[in-house]
Amino acid sequence: MCSVRAAIPLTPPRRRDRISGLPRARPSSSDGDAYAVCYDRKAMVFKLLSRKSAPPPAPAAIPVGMRIYAVGDIHGCDLLLDQLLQRIDADNAARGPATSQLIFLGDLVDRGPASAQVVERLIALREQRPDTRFLLGNHEEIFLRAIENDARILPLFCRIGGRETGLSYGIPEDVYNAAGYAELAALLREAVPEHHIAFLKSFEDMIVIGDYAFVHAGVRPGRALDHQRTSDLRWIRDEFLDFRGQFDKLIVHGHTITSDVESLPNRIGLDTGAYASGILSAMGFERDERWVLQAGPEA
């Protein structure tokens, strides 16, 4: 028997009927049970209605005074990169004073026609803006390992757009096509400048600013951000994409192509498949605001 019911008499005082004025019949024990249950339910509803609802969570934000621009996967699309950087510069100027910073989410190379030119352009950008930050994507990882003649990686490099990267560094097409894997590694070592290799090797795996964590591919659910595996940060897909719970931070990532920027309660995807769609995407962040910038024929 619940405590609420115990506090209520099972034979409440007799009341007069509103119409006849005669005393009402006393309830039986079964009537008392019904009375107690009804009262219990009303008390529960009252408590639920009177309880203050929890305030909605505060929107994700970055520190006051900062403005961040995160750029999705470029994949050798140098013309789109130049167009997007111009739009970022114009947007930054229009929004007034702030400490602005660019973050590139990785996959600068492969698939598109101008990987070497993209890398050179971004080396120059970091010289102009030393606070620009870069995340190492899975394609940079494969590229660096191919240059080092990793026999397990070279076939994969060729399958995922490495041919276009090699040609962009000046390897003749007929030479590339005729080369075996060991020969290809030697060709890459000869063609790729040392300062490009050093630049790519300097890239980070995760950047945390305010309520956001920027990574290339995603994070593994159930694992704290400071205990994530490098392989997951560069390669994870379904386990991360299908997760509907909350992470330690709002995750901003590339790696998985979507038709448009994907903004969900726990993650934001910025890879709009520039090499295939012709659309290169970025997102701006300031305080608790976010906005999208794009480069492309209709952007």
Protein backbone atom coordinates (compact mmCIF):
# COMPACT_ATOMS: atom_id res chain seq x y z
CA MET A 1 0.00 0.00 0.00
CA CYS A 2 1.51 3.34 -1.08
CA SER A 3 2.12 6.12 1.43
CA VAL A 4 -0.23 8.53 -0.34
CA ARG A 5 -3.13 6.17 0.01
CA ALA A 6 -2.37 5.52 3.70
CA ALA A 7 -2.73 9.21 4.44
CA ILE A 8 -6.25 9.34 2.98
CA PRO A 9 -9.23 7.95 4.97
CA LEU A 10 -10.96 5.15 3.16
CA THR A 11 -14.35 6.45 4.40
CA PRO A 12 -14.37 10.14 3.64
CA PRO A 13 -17.02 12.33 5.37
CA ARG A 14 -20.53 12.13 3.98
CA ARG A 15 -21.41 14.93 1.60
CA ARG A 16 -24.82 16.07 0.37
CA ASP A 17 -25.81 15.52 -3.19
CA ARG A 18 -25.83 18.81 -5.11
CA ILE A 19 -29.21 18.09 -6.70
CA SER A 20 -31.27 16.25 -4.06
CA GLY A 21 -29.63 17.74 -0.97
CA LEU A 22 -29.67 14.28 0.68
CA PRO A 23 -26.59 12.82 2.30
CA ARG A 24 -24.57 10.70 -0.05
CA ALA A 25 -24.10 7.04 0.77
CA ARG A 26 -20.84 6.18 2.45
CA PRO A 27 -18.42 4.49 0.05
CA SER A 28 -17.69 0.82 0.43
CA SER A 29 -14.14 -0.40 0.87
CA SER A 30 -13.93 -0.87 -2.88
CA ASP A 31 -15.10 2.71 -3.33
CA GLY A 32 -12.35 3.79 -0.96
CA ASP A 33 -9.80 1.97 -3.06
CA ALA A 34 -11.03 3.78 -6.15
CA TYR A 35 -10.98 7.10 -4.29
CA ALA A 36 -7.38 6.57 -3.14
CA VAL A 37 -6.19 5.54 -6.60
CA CYS A 38 -7.90 8.54 -8.17
CA TYR A 39 -6.35 10.86 -5.59
CA ASP A 40 -2.95 9.26 -6.12
CA ARG A 41 -3.16 9.82 -9.86
CA LYS A 42 -4.28 13.43 -9.43
CA ALA A 43 -1.38 14.08 -7.06
CA MET A 44 1.04 12.59 -9.56
CA VAL A 45 -0.32 14.73 -12.41
CA PHE A 46 -0.17 17.82 -10.21
CA LYS A 47 3.46 17.15 -9.38
CA LEU A 48 4.33 16.62 -13.03
CA LEU A 49 2.56 19.81 -14.10
CA SER A 50 3.98 21.89 -11.30
CA ARG A 51 7.56 20.65 -11.72
CA LYS A 52 9.71 23.18 -13.55
CA SER A 53 10.94 21.84 -16.88
CA ALA A 54 14.72 21.64 -17.24
CA PRO A 55 16.16 24.52 -19.27
CA PRO A 56 17.33 23.57 -22.78
CA PRO A 57 21.08 22.99 -23.08
CA ALA A 58 23.11 26.02 -24.05
CA PRO A 59 24.13 26.04 -27.72
CA ALA A 60 27.71 25.05 -28.51
CA ALA A 61 30.05 28.02 -28.59
CA ILE A 62 33.67 29.06 -29.00
CA PRO A 63 35.42 31.63 -26.78
CA VAL A 64 34.38 35.25 -27.15
CA GLY A 65 36.63 37.18 -29.51
CA MET A 66 37.43 34.20 -31.73
CA ARG A 67 36.14 33.40 -35.21
CA ILE A 68 36.85 29.98 -36.73
CA TYR A 69 36.50 28.83 -40.32
CA ALA A 70 36.60 25.04 -40.80
CA VAL A 71 37.15 23.79 -44.37
CA GLY A 72 36.03 20.39 -45.62
CA ASP A 73 37.86 17.88 -47.82
CA ILE A 74 39.57 19.60 -50.78
CA HIS A 75 40.89 16.54 -52.68
CA GLY A 76 43.08 18.34 -55.19
CA CYS A 77 40.53 20.99 -56.23
CA ASP A 78 42.76 24.05 -56.30
CA LEU A 79 40.35 26.37 -58.12
CA LEU A 80 37.59 25.69 -55.61
CA LEU A 81 40.07 26.25 -52.79
CA ASP A 82 41.06 29.68 -54.15
CA GLN A 83 37.40 30.63 -54.57
CA LEU A 84 36.51 29.51 -51.06
CA LEU A 85 39.45 31.34 -49.47
CA GLN A 86 38.33 34.53 -51.21
CA ARG A 87 34.83 34.09 -49.79
CA ILE A 88 36.20 33.44 -46.33
CA ASP A 89 38.31 36.60 -46.51
CA ALA A 90 35.29 38.65 -47.61
CA ASP A 91 33.08 37.14 -44.92
CA ASN A 92 35.68 37.72 -42.24
CA ALA A 93 36.10 41.36 -43.22
CA ALA A 94 32.34 41.95 -43.27
CA ARG A 95 31.84 40.61 -39.75
CA GLY A 96 34.12 43.04 -38.00
CA PRO A 97 37.03 42.62 -35.61
CA ALA A 98 37.82 39.16 -34.21
CA THR A 99 40.76 36.81 -33.94
CA SER A 100 40.07 34.59 -36.93
CA GLN A 101 41.62 31.19 -37.58
CA LEU A 102 41.32 28.62 -40.36
CA ILE A 103 41.14 24.87 -39.71
CA PHE A 104 41.45 22.40 -42.59
CA LEU A 105 39.82 19.04 -41.84
CA GLY A 106 42.20 16.97 -43.98
CA ASP A 107 42.17 15.10 -47.30
CA LEU A 108 43.88 17.84 -49.27
CA VAL A 109 45.19 15.34 -51.81
CA ASP A 110 44.03 12.58 -54.21
CA ARG A 111 41.08 12.23 -56.57
CA GLY A 112 41.11 15.81 -57.89
CA PRO A 113 43.55 17.05 -60.54
CA ALA A 114 45.79 19.43 -58.55
CA SER A 115 46.94 17.94 -55.24
CA ALA A 116 50.48 19.36 -55.56
CA GLN A 117 49.08 22.82 -56.24
CA VAL A 118 46.71 22.60 -53.24
CA VAL A 119 49.57 21.64 -50.92
CA GLU A 120 51.77 24.47 -52.23
CA ARG A 121 48.90 26.96 -51.88
CA LEU A 122 48.29 25.97 -48.26
CA ILE A 123 51.99 26.08 -47.39
CA ALA A 124 51.93 29.70 -48.58
CA LEU A 125 48.75 30.33 -46.58
CA ARG A 126 50.36 29.10 -43.37
CA GLU A 127 53.35 31.34 -44.01
CA GLN A 128 50.92 34.27 -44.31
CA ARG A 129 48.77 33.11 -41.39
CA PRO A 130 50.92 31.03 -39.00
CA ASP A 131 47.93 30.20 -36.78
CA THR A 132 46.26 28.19 -39.58
CA ARG A 133 45.83 24.59 -38.47
CA PHE A 134 45.58 21.32 -40.41
CA LEU A 135 44.25 17.86 -39.57
CA LEU A 136 45.79 14.76 -41.12
CA GLY A 137 43.26 12.89 -43.22
CA ASN A 138 43.42 9.25 -44.22
CA HIS A 139 44.51 10.30 -47.73
CA GLU A 140 47.52 12.21 -46.37
CA GLU A 141 48.38 9.16 -44.25
CA ILE A 142 48.28 6.89 -47.31
CA PHE A 143 50.24 9.38 -49.44
CA LEU A 144 53.07 9.65 -46.90
CA ARG A 145 53.25 5.89 -46.47
CA ALA A 146 53.32 5.39 -50.25
CA ILE A 147 56.28 7.77 -50.52
CA GLU A 148 58.03 5.65 -47.87
CA ASN A 149 57.51 2.53 -50.06
CA ASP A 150 55.03 0.80 -47.75
CA ALA A 151 54.27 -2.27 -49.86
CA ARG A 152 50.91 -2.85 -48.13
CA ILE A 153 49.72 0.69 -48.86
CA LEU A 154 50.79 1.31 -52.45
CA PRO A 155 47.92 -0.70 -54.04
CA LEU A 156 45.42 1.23 -51.91
CA PHE A 157 47.07 4.53 -52.84
CA CYS A 158 46.54 3.73 -56.50
CA ARG A 159 42.88 2.79 -55.95
CA ILE A 160 41.80 5.90 -54.02
CA GLY A 161 43.03 8.68 -56.27
CA GLY A 162 46.80 8.42 -55.96
CA ARG A 163 47.21 8.41 -59.72
CA GLU A 164 45.90 11.98 -59.95
CA THR A 165 48.23 13.00 -57.12
CA GLY A 166 51.27 11.49 -58.83
CA LEU A 167 50.44 13.20 -62.12
CA SER A 168 49.98 16.55 -60.34
CA TYR A 169 53.58 16.25 -59.10
CA GLY A 170 54.82 15.94 -62.66
CA ILE A 171 55.12 12.17 -63.09
CA PRO A 172 54.35 11.53 -66.80
CA GLU A 173 51.18 9.55 -67.33
CA ASP A 174 52.83 6.84 -69.43
CA VAL A 175 55.59 6.44 -66.83
CA TYR A 176 53.06 6.18 -64.03
CA ASN A 177 51.01 3.60 -65.92
CA ALA A 178 54.06 1.42 -66.62
CA ALA A 179 55.51 1.54 -63.10
CA GLY A 180 55.30 -1.27 -60.58
CA TYR A 181 54.65 -0.46 -56.94
CA ALA A 182 58.32 -0.20 -55.93
CA GLU A 183 59.03 1.95 -58.98
CA LEU A 184 56.05 4.15 -58.15
CA ALA A 185 57.35 4.74 -54.62
CA ALA A 186 60.68 5.80 -56.07
CA LEU A 187 58.96 8.12 -58.53
CA LEU A 188 56.99 9.74 -55.71
CA ARG A 189 60.09 10.20 -53.54
CA GLU A 190 61.80 11.95 -56.44
CA ALA A 191 58.80 14.09 -57.44
CA VAL A 192 57.40 15.26 -54.10
CA PRO A 193 59.41 18.14 -52.58
CA GLU A 194 60.76 17.67 -49.08
CA HIS A 195 58.96 20.76 -47.82
CA HIS A 196 55.66 19.23 -48.93
CA ILE A 197 56.42 16.06 -46.97
CA ALA A 198 57.45 18.06 -43.90
CA PHE A 199 54.29 20.15 -44.18
CA LEU A 200 52.01 17.09 -44.28
CA LYS A 201 53.85 15.43 -41.41
CA SER A 202 53.20 18.48 -39.23
CA PHE A 203 49.41 17.98 -39.31
CA GLU A 204 47.39 17.32 -36.14
CA ASP A 205 44.85 14.63 -35.27
CA MET A 206 42.34 16.65 -33.22
CA ILE A 207 41.71 20.30 -32.40
CA VAL A 208 39.46 21.27 -29.49
CA ILE A 209 38.16 24.83 -29.24
CA GLY A 210 35.37 25.73 -26.84
CA ASP A 211 32.49 23.26 -27.18
CA TYR A 212 33.76 21.85 -30.49
CA ALA A 213 36.21 19.10 -31.42
CA PHE A 214 37.52 19.17 -34.99
CA VAL A 215 38.67 15.84 -36.46
CA HIS A 216 39.02 14.36 -39.92
CA ALA A 217 36.73 11.31 -39.88
CA GLY A 218 35.02 11.17 -36.48
CA VAL A 219 35.41 9.67 -33.02
CA ARG A 220 34.53 6.32 -31.48
CA PRO A 221 31.41 6.50 -29.28
CA GLY A 222 31.96 5.59 -25.64
CA ARG A 223 35.62 6.60 -25.65
CA ALA A 224 36.79 9.91 -24.14
CA LEU A 225 38.25 12.40 -26.60
CA ASP A 226 41.71 12.22 -25.03
CA HIS A 227 41.69 8.42 -25.43
CA GLN A 228 40.67 8.22 -29.09
CA ARG A 229 42.75 6.05 -31.42
CA THR A 230 44.46 7.77 -34.33
CA SER A 231 43.04 5.18 -36.71
CA ASP A 232 39.49 6.12 -35.68
CA LEU A 233 40.12 9.84 -35.98
CA ARG A 234 41.26 9.31 -39.60
CA TRP A 235 39.17 6.36 -40.77
CA ILE A 236 36.02 5.71 -38.70
CA ARG A 237 32.70 5.79 -40.46
CA ASP A 238 29.50 3.87 -39.59
CA GLU A 239 30.04 3.46 -35.84
CA PHE A 240 30.41 7.24 -35.59
CA LEU A 241 27.84 8.30 -38.17
CA ASP A 242 25.09 6.04 -36.82
CA PHE A 243 25.54 7.10 -33.18
CA ARG A 244 22.71 9.32 -31.93
CA GLY A 245 23.96 10.06 -28.41
CA GLN A 246 26.09 12.98 -27.30
CA PHE A 247 29.88 13.17 -27.41
CA ASP A 248 32.11 15.13 -25.04
CA LYS A 249 32.09 17.94 -27.63
CA LEU A 250 30.15 18.75 -30.78
CA ILE A 251 32.22 16.98 -33.46
CA VAL A 252 33.10 18.79 -36.70
CA HIS A 253 34.42 16.41 -39.37
CA GLY A 254 34.92 15.62 -43.04
CA HIS A 255 35.72 12.22 -44.61
CA THR A 256 32.15 11.12 -45.44
CA ILE A 257 30.54 12.78 -48.44
CA THR A 258 27.03 14.21 -48.15
CA SER A 259 25.09 16.21 -50.72
CA ASP A 260 25.13 19.25 -48.46
CA VAL A 261 26.60 20.27 -45.13
CA GLU A 262 25.17 17.94 -42.49
CA SER A 263 24.35 19.54 -39.14
CA LEU A 264 23.10 17.19 -36.41
CA PRO A 265 22.83 17.60 -32.62
CA ASN A 266 26.08 15.67 -32.03
CA ARG A 267 28.13 16.28 -35.18
CA ILE A 268 28.61 18.49 -38.24
CA GLY A 269 29.85 17.03 -41.55
CA LEU A 270 31.56 19.34 -44.05
CA ASP A 271 32.65 16.99 -46.85
CA THR A 272 30.45 17.76 -49.85
CA GLY A 273 32.58 15.79 -52.31
CA ALA A 274 34.35 18.70 -54.01
CA TYR A 275 36.12 16.53 -56.62
CA ALA A 276 32.81 14.97 -57.75
CA SER A 277 30.16 17.59 -56.93
CA GLY A 278 32.14 20.74 -57.67
CA ILE A 279 31.11 22.13 -54.25
CA LEU A 280 33.71 22.82 -51.55
CA SER A 281 32.22 23.70 -48.17
CA ALA A 282 33.30 25.51 -45.02
CA MET A 283 31.59 26.61 -41.82
CA GLY A 284 32.17 29.72 -39.75
CA PHE A 285 31.94 29.76 -35.95
CA GLU A 286 31.66 32.75 -33.64
CA ARG A 287 30.33 32.64 -30.06
CA ASP A 288 27.25 30.38 -30.42
CA GLU A 289 26.64 31.17 -34.11
CA ARG A 290 27.43 29.03 -37.16
CA TRP A 291 27.13 29.70 -40.88
CA VAL A 292 28.03 27.93 -44.13
CA LEU A 293 30.24 29.20 -46.95
CA GLN A 294 30.67 27.32 -50.23
CA ALA A 295 32.58 27.52 -53.48
CA GLY A 296 31.31 26.11 -56.73
CA PRO A 297 29.37 26.94 -59.87
CA GLU A 298 26.13 27.73 -58.03
CA ALA A 299 27.53 28.67 -54.61
